[in-house]
Amino acid sequence: MIRSELLTELHKDNPELRSEEVEQVVDIFFDEISQRLAEGGRVELRGFGAFSTRDREARTGRNPRTGEAVEVPAKRVPYFKAGKEIRNRLNED
């Protein structure tokens, strides 16, 4: 699902809201998650999962075109851990 499909589905479920209002809600939702992660925090949505960040150490990588060694700096990357309910739903038989 892409962002526009999400907006369409939310608008179908909430016809009393204008499409601009639905878009504003989605923007605020994702902005808040991004802001919290940028601050080094964690966002937990019960039944869905938890967003956090992980530290990656600096390493030596390879340029795929030339094969030349390239230094890759240390960085923080986003991480998502699915909640129990969503894992169970994915593995229903």
PDB file of N, CA and C in Angstrom:
ATOM      1  N   MET A   1       0.853  -1.179   0.000  1.00  0.00           N
ATOM      2  CA  MET A   1       0.000   0.000   0.000  1.00  0.00           C
ATOM      3  C   MET A   1       0.896   1.238   0.000  1.00  0.00           C
ATOM      4  N   ILE A   2       0.544   2.173  -0.838  1.00  0.00           N
ATOM      5  CA  ILE A   2       1.280   3.430  -0.867  1.00  0.00           C
ATOM      6  C   ILE A   2       0.461   4.499  -0.156  1.00  0.00           C
ATOM      7  N   ARG A   3       1.086   5.653   0.076  1.00  0.00           N
ATOM      8  CA  ARG A   3       0.480   6.716   0.865  1.00  0.00           C
ATOM      9  C   ARG A   3      -0.895   7.115   0.308  1.00  0.00           C
ATOM     10  N   SER A   4      -1.010   7.291  -0.985  1.00  0.00           N
ATOM     11  CA  SER A   4      -2.282   7.723  -1.566  1.00  0.00           C
ATOM     12  C   SER A   4      -3.383   6.681  -1.343  1.00  0.00           C
ATOM     13  N   GLU A   5      -3.033   5.399  -1.387  1.00  0.00           N
ATOM     14  CA  GLU A   5      -4.019   4.348  -1.117  1.00  0.00           C
ATOM     15  C   GLU A   5      -4.451   4.384   0.346  1.00  0.00           C
ATOM     16  N   LEU A   6      -3.516   4.645   1.240  1.00  0.00           N
ATOM     17  CA  LEU A   6      -3.843   4.775   2.659  1.00  0.00           C
ATOM     18  C   LEU A   6      -4.811   5.931   2.868  1.00  0.00           C
ATOM     19  N   LEU A   7      -4.523   7.066   2.248  1.00  0.00           N
ATOM     20  CA  LEU A   7      -5.406   8.230   2.372  1.00  0.00           C
ATOM     21  C   LEU A   7      -6.807   7.919   1.849  1.00  0.00           C
ATOM     22  N   THR A   8      -6.889   7.223   0.743  1.00  0.00           N
ATOM     23  CA  THR A   8      -8.184   6.862   0.157  1.00  0.00           C
ATOM     24  C   THR A   8      -8.968   5.954   1.101  1.00  0.00           C
ATOM     25  N   GLU A   9      -8.316   4.943   1.649  1.00  0.00           N
ATOM     26  CA  GLU A   9      -8.996   4.020   2.571  1.00  0.00           C
ATOM     27  C   GLU A   9      -9.469   4.741   3.834  1.00  0.00           C
ATOM     28  N   LEU A  10      -8.626   5.610   4.379  1.00  0.00           N
ATOM     29  CA  LEU A  10      -9.027   6.357   5.576  1.00  0.00           C
ATOM     30  C   LEU A  10     -10.194   7.289   5.270  1.00  0.00           C
ATOM     31  N   HIS A  11     -10.195   7.889   4.105  1.00  0.00           N
ATOM     32  CA  HIS A  11     -11.304   8.775   3.722  1.00  0.00           C
ATOM     33  C   HIS A  11     -12.601   7.983   3.554  1.00  0.00           C
ATOM     34  N   LYS A  12     -12.515   6.758   3.001  1.00  0.00           N
ATOM     35  CA  LYS A  12     -13.708   5.904   2.865  1.00  0.00           C
ATOM     36  C   LYS A  12     -14.294   5.566   4.232  1.00  0.00           C
ATOM     37  N   ASP A  13     -13.400   5.292   5.206  1.00  0.00           N
ATOM     38  CA  ASP A  13     -13.850   4.918   6.550  1.00  0.00           C
ATOM     39  C   ASP A  13     -14.330   6.119   7.362  1.00  0.00           C
ATOM     40  N   ASN A  14     -13.970   7.327   6.941  1.00  0.00           N
ATOM     41  CA  ASN A  14     -14.329   8.546   7.670  1.00  0.00           C
ATOM     42  C   ASN A  14     -14.874   9.594   6.706  1.00  0.00           C
ATOM     43  N   PRO A  15     -16.047   9.342   6.115  1.00  0.00           N
ATOM     44  CA  PRO A  15     -16.581  10.265   5.104  1.00  0.00           C
ATOM     45  C   PRO A  15     -16.920  11.648   5.658  1.00  0.00           C
ATOM     46  N   GLU A  16     -17.049  11.764   6.984  1.00  0.00           N
ATOM     47  CA  GLU A  16     -17.362  13.065   7.578  1.00  0.00           C
ATOM     48  C   GLU A  16     -16.162  14.012   7.543  1.00  0.00           C
ATOM     49  N   LEU A  17     -14.964  13.479   7.282  1.00  0.00           N
ATOM     50  CA  LEU A  17     -13.766  14.304   7.181  1.00  0.00           C
ATOM     51  C   LEU A  17     -13.469  14.630   5.721  1.00  0.00           C
ATOM     52  N   ARG A  18     -13.014  15.855   5.497  1.00  0.00           N
ATOM     53  CA  ARG A  18     -12.576  16.228   4.149  1.00  0.00           C
ATOM     54  C   ARG A  18     -11.259  15.518   3.860  1.00  0.00           C
ATOM     55  N   SER A  19     -10.955  15.316   2.600  1.00  0.00           N
ATOM     56  CA  SER A  19      -9.713  14.622   2.233  1.00  0.00           C
ATOM     57  C   SER A  19      -8.486  15.381   2.740  1.00  0.00           C
ATOM     58  N   GLU A  20      -8.564  16.712   2.801  1.00  0.00           N
ATOM     59  CA  GLU A  20      -7.447  17.507   3.318  1.00  0.00           C
ATOM     60  C   GLU A  20      -7.221  17.224   4.809  1.00  0.00           C
ATOM     61  N   GLU A  21      -8.317  17.007   5.535  1.00  0.00           N
ATOM     62  CA  GLU A  21      -8.200  16.707   6.965  1.00  0.00           C
ATOM     63  C   GLU A  21      -7.586  15.326   7.183  1.00  0.00           C
ATOM     64  N   VAL A  22      -7.981  14.364   6.362  1.00  0.00           N
ATOM     65  CA  VAL A  22      -7.407  13.019   6.464  1.00  0.00           C
ATOM     66  C   VAL A  22      -5.912  13.086   6.179  1.00  0.00           C
ATOM     67  N   GLU A  23      -5.537  13.826   5.153  1.00  0.00           N
ATOM     68  CA  GLU A  23      -4.120  13.967   4.803  1.00  0.00           C
ATOM     69  C   GLU A  23      -3.342  14.638   5.932  1.00  0.00           C
ATOM     70  N   GLN A  24      -3.940  15.624   6.566  1.00  0.00           N
ATOM     71  CA  GLN A  24      -3.282  16.311   7.681  1.00  0.00           C
ATOM     72  C   GLN A  24      -3.062  15.355   8.857  1.00  0.00           C
ATOM     73  N   VAL A  25      -4.036  14.510   9.149  1.00  0.00           N
ATOM     74  CA  VAL A  25      -3.902  13.530  10.234  1.00  0.00           C
ATOM     75  C   VAL A  25      -2.759  12.563   9.943  1.00  0.00           C
ATOM     76  N   VAL A  26      -2.690  12.067   8.713  1.00  0.00           N
ATOM     77  CA  VAL A  26      -1.626  11.138   8.333  1.00  0.00           C
ATOM     78  C   VAL A  26      -0.264  11.818   8.427  1.00  0.00           C
ATOM     79  N   ASP A  27      -0.178  13.065   7.954  1.00  0.00           N
ATOM     80  CA  ASP A  27       1.083  13.813   8.035  1.00  0.00           C
ATOM     81  C   ASP A  27       1.534  13.986   9.474  1.00  0.00           C
ATOM     82  N   ILE A  28       0.611  14.370  10.346  1.00  0.00           N
ATOM     83  CA  ILE A  28       0.943  14.551  11.760  1.00  0.00           C
ATOM     84  C   ILE A  28       1.405  13.237  12.373  1.00  0.00           C
ATOM     85  N   PHE A  29       0.707  12.149  12.060  1.00  0.00           N
ATOM     86  CA  PHE A  29       1.052  10.836  12.597  1.00  0.00           C
ATOM     87  C   PHE A  29       2.494  10.460  12.258  1.00  0.00           C
ATOM     88  N   PHE A  30       2.844  10.541  10.970  1.00  0.00           N
ATOM     89  CA  PHE A  30       4.188  10.154  10.557  1.00  0.00           C
ATOM     90  C   PHE A  30       5.243  11.155  11.013  1.00  0.00           C
ATOM     91  N   ASP A  31       4.894  12.442  11.048  1.00  0.00           N
ATOM     92  CA  ASP A  31       5.844  13.444  11.536  1.00  0.00           C
ATOM     93  C   ASP A  31       6.183  13.219  13.004  1.00  0.00           C
ATOM     94  N   GLU A  32       5.185  12.855  13.799  1.00  0.00           N
ATOM     95  CA  GLU A  32       5.425  12.614  15.228  1.00  0.00           C
ATOM     96  C   GLU A  32       6.326  11.391  15.438  1.00  0.00           C
ATOM     97  N   ILE A  33       6.083  10.337  14.668  1.00  0.00           N
ATOM     98  CA  ILE A  33       6.941   9.154  14.771  1.00  0.00           C
ATOM     99  C   ILE A  33       8.367   9.517  14.373  1.00  0.00           C
ATOM    100  N   SER A  34       8.526  10.223  13.271  1.00  0.00           N
ATOM    101  CA  SER A  34       9.855  10.618  12.799  1.00  0.00           C
ATOM    102  C   SER A  34      10.564  11.503  13.809  1.00  0.00           C
ATOM    103  N   GLN A  35       9.839  12.463  14.366  1.00  0.00           N
ATOM    104  CA  GLN A  35      10.428  13.377  15.350  1.00  0.00           C
ATOM    105  C   GLN A  35      10.907  12.616  16.588  1.00  0.00           C
ATOM    106  N   ARG A  36      10.094  11.708  17.081  1.00  0.00           N
ATOM    107  CA  ARG A  36      10.470  10.941  18.274  1.00  0.00           C
ATOM    108  C   ARG A  36      11.710  10.093  18.005  1.00  0.00           C
ATOM    109  N   LEU A  37      11.775   9.471  16.834  1.00  0.00           N
ATOM    110  CA  LEU A  37      12.950   8.661  16.491  1.00  0.00           C
ATOM    111  C   LEU A  37      14.184   9.535  16.339  1.00  0.00           C
ATOM    112  N   ALA A  38      14.039  10.725  15.761  1.00  0.00           N
ATOM    113  CA  ALA A  38      15.162  11.646  15.599  1.00  0.00           C
ATOM    114  C   ALA A  38      15.716  12.079  16.953  1.00  0.00           C
ATOM    115  N   GLU A  39      14.856  12.135  17.960  1.00  0.00           N
ATOM    116  CA  GLU A  39      15.277  12.502  19.316  1.00  0.00           C
ATOM    117  C   GLU A  39      15.882  11.321  20.065  1.00  0.00           C
ATOM    118  N   GLY A  40      15.898  10.161  19.429  1.00  0.00           N
ATOM    119  CA  GLY A  40      16.449   8.973  20.074  1.00  0.00           C
ATOM    120  C   GLY A  40      15.415   8.192  20.860  1.00  0.00           C
ATOM    121  N   GLY A  41      14.149   8.544  20.705  1.00  0.00           N
ATOM    122  CA  GLY A  41      13.077   7.882  21.446  1.00  0.00           C
ATOM    123  C   GLY A  41      12.563   6.637  20.748  1.00  0.00           C
ATOM    124  N   ARG A  42      11.460   6.162  21.277  1.00  0.00           N
ATOM    125  CA  ARG A  42      10.829   4.931  20.794  1.00  0.00           C
ATOM    126  C   ARG A  42       9.335   5.188  20.677  1.00  0.00           C
ATOM    127  N   VAL A  43       8.694   4.591  19.696  1.00  0.00           N
ATOM    128  CA  VAL A  43       7.246   4.726  19.523  1.00  0.00           C
ATOM    129  C   VAL A  43       6.649   3.328  19.521  1.00  0.00           C
ATOM    130  N   GLU A  44       5.741   3.079  20.459  1.00  0.00           N
ATOM    131  CA  GLU A  44       5.106   1.768  20.562  1.00  0.00           C
ATOM    132  C   GLU A  44       3.623   1.899  20.285  1.00  0.00           C
ATOM    133  N   LEU A  45       3.145   1.121  19.328  1.00  0.00           N
ATOM    134  CA  LEU A  45       1.726   1.076  19.000  1.00  0.00           C
ATOM    135  C   LEU A  45       1.235  -0.315  19.387  1.00  0.00           C
ATOM    136  N   ARG A  46       0.531  -0.405  20.491  1.00  0.00           N
ATOM    137  CA  ARG A  46       0.097  -1.694  21.024  1.00  0.00           C
ATOM    138  C   ARG A  46      -0.659  -2.495  19.981  1.00  0.00           C
ATOM    139  N   GLY A  47      -0.299  -3.756  19.852  1.00  0.00           N
ATOM    140  CA  GLY A  47      -0.947  -4.633  18.895  1.00  0.00           C
ATOM    141  C   GLY A  47      -0.371  -4.525  17.494  1.00  0.00           C
ATOM    142  N   PHE A  48       0.409  -3.489  17.232  1.00  0.00           N
ATOM    143  CA  PHE A  48       0.991  -3.312  15.903  1.00  0.00           C
ATOM    144  C   PHE A  48       2.500  -3.534  15.936  1.00  0.00           C
ATOM    145  N   GLY A  49       3.191  -2.759  16.765  1.00  0.00           N
ATOM    146  CA  GLY A  49       4.637  -2.922  16.843  1.00  0.00           C
ATOM    147  C   GLY A  49       5.305  -1.697  17.436  1.00  0.00           C
ATOM    148  N   ALA A  50       6.633  -1.714  17.406  1.00  0.00           N
ATOM    149  CA  ALA A  50       7.411  -0.628  17.997  1.00  0.00           C
ATOM    150  C   ALA A  50       8.472  -0.148  17.015  1.00  0.00           C
ATOM    151  N   PHE A  51       8.574   1.168  16.909  1.00  0.00           N
ATOM    152  CA  PHE A  51       9.602   1.799  16.106  1.00  0.00           C
ATOM    153  C   PHE A  51      10.701   2.279  17.035  1.00  0.00           C
ATOM    154  N   SER A  52      11.950   2.055  16.662  1.00  0.00           N
ATOM    155  CA  SER A  52      13.091   2.550  17.427  1.00  0.00           C
ATOM    156  C   SER A  52      14.241   2.753  16.459  1.00  0.00           C
ATOM    157  N   THR A  53      15.391   3.100  16.988  1.00  0.00           N
ATOM    158  CA  THR A  53      16.574   3.237  16.145  1.00  0.00           C
ATOM    159  C   THR A  53      17.656   2.303  16.654  1.00  0.00           C
ATOM    160  N   ARG A  54      18.538   1.951  15.778  1.00  0.00           N
ATOM    161  CA  ARG A  54      19.695   1.130  16.131  1.00  0.00           C
ATOM    162  C   ARG A  54      20.942   1.811  15.593  1.00  0.00           C
ATOM    163  N   ASP A  55      22.037   1.638  16.313  1.00  0.00           N
ATOM    164  CA  ASP A  55      23.309   2.206  15.884  1.00  0.00           C
ATOM    165  C   ASP A  55      24.051   1.209  15.012  1.00  0.00           C
ATOM    166  N   ARG A  56      24.560   1.701  13.902  1.00  0.00           N
ATOM    167  CA  ARG A  56      25.422   0.888  13.043  1.00  0.00           C
ATOM    168  C   ARG A  56      26.828   1.436  13.153  1.00  0.00           C
ATOM    169  N   GLU A  57      27.769   0.555  13.360  1.00  0.00           N
ATOM    170  CA  GLU A  57      29.159   0.977  13.482  1.00  0.00           C
ATOM    171  C   GLU A  57      29.725   1.327  12.113  1.00  0.00           C
ATOM    172  N   ALA A  58      30.798   2.122  12.126  1.00  0.00           N
ATOM    173  CA  ALA A  58      31.498   2.430  10.883  1.00  0.00           C
ATOM    174  C   ALA A  58      32.095   1.135  10.333  1.00  0.00           C
ATOM    175  N   ARG A  59      32.193   1.068   9.022  1.00  0.00           N
ATOM    176  CA  ARG A  59      32.727  -0.145   8.407  1.00  0.00           C
ATOM    177  C   ARG A  59      33.351   0.204   7.071  1.00  0.00           C
ATOM    178  N   THR A  60      34.058  -0.752   6.517  1.00  0.00           N
ATOM    179  CA  THR A  60      34.605  -0.594   5.184  1.00  0.00           C
ATOM    180  C   THR A  60      33.703  -1.340   4.216  1.00  0.00           C
ATOM    181  N   GLY A  61      33.171  -0.612   3.238  1.00  0.00           N
ATOM    182  CA  GLY A  61      32.309  -1.219   2.233  1.00  0.00           C
ATOM    183  C   GLY A  61      33.021  -1.257   0.894  1.00  0.00           C
ATOM    184  N   ARG A  62      32.313  -1.669  -0.124  1.00  0.00           N
ATOM    185  CA  ARG A  62      32.875  -1.729  -1.476  1.00  0.00           C
ATOM    186  C   ARG A  62      31.961  -0.988  -2.441  1.00  0.00           C
ATOM    187  N   ASN A  63      32.558  -0.216  -3.333  1.00  0.00           N
ATOM    188  CA  ASN A  63      31.818   0.430  -4.400  1.00  0.00           C
ATOM    189  C   ASN A  63      31.449  -0.671  -5.398  1.00  0.00           C
ATOM    190  N   PRO A  64      30.155  -0.894  -5.656  1.00  0.00           N
ATOM    191  CA  PRO A  64      29.760  -2.013  -6.525  1.00  0.00           C
ATOM    192  C   PRO A  64      30.241  -1.862  -7.967  1.00  0.00           C
ATOM    193  N   ARG A  65      30.454  -0.640  -8.428  1.00  0.00           N
ATOM    194  CA  ARG A  65      30.917  -0.435  -9.809  1.00  0.00           C
ATOM    195  C   ARG A  65      32.399  -0.718  -9.974  1.00  0.00           C
ATOM    196  N   THR A  66      33.195  -0.182  -9.027  1.00  0.00           N
ATOM    197  CA  THR A  66      34.651  -0.265  -9.198  1.00  0.00           C
ATOM    198  C   THR A  66      35.305  -1.317  -8.319  1.00  0.00           C
ATOM    199  N   GLY A  67      34.596  -1.754  -7.269  1.00  0.00           N
ATOM    200  CA  GLY A  67      35.192  -2.700  -6.334  1.00  0.00           C
ATOM    201  C   GLY A  67      36.122  -2.024  -5.338  1.00  0.00           C
ATOM    202  N   GLU A  68      36.231  -0.701  -5.426  1.00  0.00           N
ATOM    203  CA  GLU A  68      37.108   0.072  -4.547  1.00  0.00           C
ATOM    204  C   GLU A  68      36.559   0.085  -3.118  1.00  0.00           C
ATOM    205  N   ALA A  69      37.456   0.002  -2.132  1.00  0.00           N
ATOM    206  CA  ALA A  69      37.058   0.062  -0.719  1.00  0.00           C
ATOM    207  C   ALA A  69      36.593   1.471  -0.390  1.00  0.00           C
ATOM    208  N   VAL A  70      35.488   1.566   0.349  1.00  0.00           N
ATOM    209  CA  VAL A  70      34.915   2.855   0.732  1.00  0.00           C
ATOM    210  C   VAL A  70      34.599   2.801   2.222  1.00  0.00           C
ATOM    211  N   GLU A  71      34.962   3.876   2.929  1.00  0.00           N
ATOM    212  CA  GLU A  71      34.639   3.946   4.355  1.00  0.00           C
ATOM    213  C   GLU A  71      33.182   4.385   4.518  1.00  0.00           C
ATOM    214  N   VAL A  72      32.408   3.604   5.245  1.00  0.00           N
ATOM    215  CA  VAL A  72      31.011   3.927   5.518  1.00  0.00           C
ATOM    216  C   VAL A  72      30.952   4.389   6.974  1.00  0.00           C
ATOM    217  N   PRO A  73      30.515   5.627   7.221  1.00  0.00           N
ATOM    218  CA  PRO A  73      30.522   6.151   8.586  1.00  0.00           C
ATOM    219  C   PRO A  73      29.464   5.481   9.479  1.00  0.00           C
ATOM    220  N   ALA A  74      29.641   5.607  10.785  1.00  0.00           N
ATOM    221  CA  ALA A  74      28.652   5.113  11.745  1.00  0.00           C
ATOM    222  C   ALA A  74      27.371   5.920  11.576  1.00  0.00           C
ATOM    223  N   LYS A  75      26.236   5.286  11.826  1.00  0.00           N
ATOM    224  CA  LYS A  75      24.963   5.995  11.696  1.00  0.00           C
ATOM    225  C   LYS A  75      23.880   5.288  12.487  1.00  0.00           C
ATOM    226  N   ARG A  76      22.783   6.025  12.693  1.00  0.00           N
ATOM    227  CA  ARG A  76      21.593   5.443  13.301  1.00  0.00           C
ATOM    228  C   ARG A  76      20.620   5.103  12.192  1.00  0.00           C
ATOM    229  N   VAL A  77      19.954   3.971  12.315  1.00  0.00           N
ATOM    230  CA  VAL A  77      18.978   3.544  11.312  1.00  0.00           C
ATOM    231  C   VAL A  77      17.665   3.209  12.006  1.00  0.00           C
ATOM    232  N   PRO A  78      16.533   3.442  11.334  1.00  0.00           N
ATOM    233  CA  PRO A  78      15.239   3.092  11.918  1.00  0.00           C
ATOM    234  C   PRO A  78      15.076   1.573  11.980  1.00  0.00           C
ATOM    235  N   TYR A  79      14.339   1.131  12.995  1.00  0.00           N
ATOM    236  CA  TYR A  79      14.101  -0.295  13.195  1.00  0.00           C
ATOM    237  C   TYR A  79      12.650  -0.471  13.615  1.00  0.00           C
ATOM    238  N   PHE A  80      11.990  -1.502  13.074  1.00  0.00           N
ATOM    239  CA  PHE A  80      10.611  -1.801  13.443  1.00  0.00           C
ATOM    240  C   PHE A  80      10.523  -3.231  13.925  1.00  0.00           C
ATOM    241  N   LYS A  81       9.910  -3.420  15.081  1.00  0.00           N
ATOM    242  CA  LYS A  81       9.673  -4.763  15.594  1.00  0.00           C
ATOM    243  C   LYS A  81       8.165  -4.967  15.646  1.00  0.00           C
ATOM    244  N   ALA A  82       7.698  -5.953  14.904  1.00  0.00           N
ATOM    245  CA  ALA A  82       6.259  -6.228  14.845  1.00  0.00           C
ATOM    246  C   ALA A  82       5.753  -6.736  16.193  1.00  0.00           C
ATOM    247  N   GLY A  83       4.527  -6.346  16.536  1.00  0.00           N
ATOM    248  CA  GLY A  83       3.894  -6.792  17.764  1.00  0.00           C
ATOM    249  C   GLY A  83       3.354  -8.210  17.622  1.00  0.00           C
ATOM    250  N   LYS A  84       2.998  -8.782  18.766  1.00  0.00           N
ATOM    251  CA  LYS A  84       2.522 -10.167  18.796  1.00  0.00           C
ATOM    252  C   LYS A  84       1.264 -10.355  17.951  1.00  0.00           C
ATOM    253  N   GLU A  85       0.322  -9.412  18.033  1.00  0.00           N
ATOM    254  CA  GLU A  85      -0.934  -9.551  17.290  1.00  0.00           C
ATOM    255  C   GLU A  85      -0.701  -9.561  15.786  1.00  0.00           C
ATOM    256  N   ILE A  86       0.167  -8.700  15.302  1.00  0.00           N
ATOM    257  CA  ILE A  86       0.417  -8.651  13.858  1.00  0.00           C
ATOM    258  C   ILE A  86       1.191  -9.890  13.408  1.00  0.00           C
ATOM    259  N   ARG A  87       2.108 -10.370  14.235  1.00  0.00           N
ATOM    260  CA  ARG A  87       2.832 -11.617  13.888  1.00  0.00           C
ATOM    261  C   ARG A  87       1.863 -12.782  13.806  1.00  0.00           C
ATOM    262  N   ASN A  88       0.928 -12.864  14.756  1.00  0.00           N
ATOM    263  CA  ASN A  88      -0.067 -13.943  14.740  1.00  0.00           C
ATOM    264  C   ASN A  88      -0.954 -13.852  13.506  1.00  0.00           C
ATOM    265  N   ARG A  89      -1.350 -12.636  13.138  1.00  0.00           N
ATOM    266  CA  ARG A  89      -2.209 -12.461  11.971  1.00  0.00           C
ATOM    267  C   ARG A  89      -1.493 -12.885  10.691  1.00  0.00           C
ATOM    268  N   LEU A  90      -0.191 -12.637  10.616  1.00  0.00           N
ATOM    269  CA  LEU A  90       0.586 -13.029   9.437  1.00  0.00           C
ATOM    270  C   LEU A  90       0.751 -14.549   9.329  1.00  0.00           C
ATOM    271  N   ASN A  91       0.683 -15.224  10.463  1.00  0.00           N
ATOM    272  CA  ASN A  91       0.935 -16.661  10.471  1.00  0.00           C
ATOM    273  C   ASN A  91      -0.304 -17.496  10.742  1.00  0.00           C
ATOM    274  N   GLU A  92      -1.491 -16.934  10.502  1.00  0.00           N
ATOM    275  CA  GLU A  92      -2.718 -17.696  10.666  1.00  0.00           C
ATOM    276  C   GLU A  92      -2.793 -18.784   9.610  1.00  0.00           C
ATOM    277  N   ASP A  93      -3.331 -19.908   9.990  1.00  0.00           N
ATOM    278  CA  ASP A  93      -3.491 -21.010   9.017  1.00  0.00           C
ATOM    279  C   ASP A  93      -4.927 -21.253   8.687  1.00  0.00           C
TER     280      ASP A  93
END
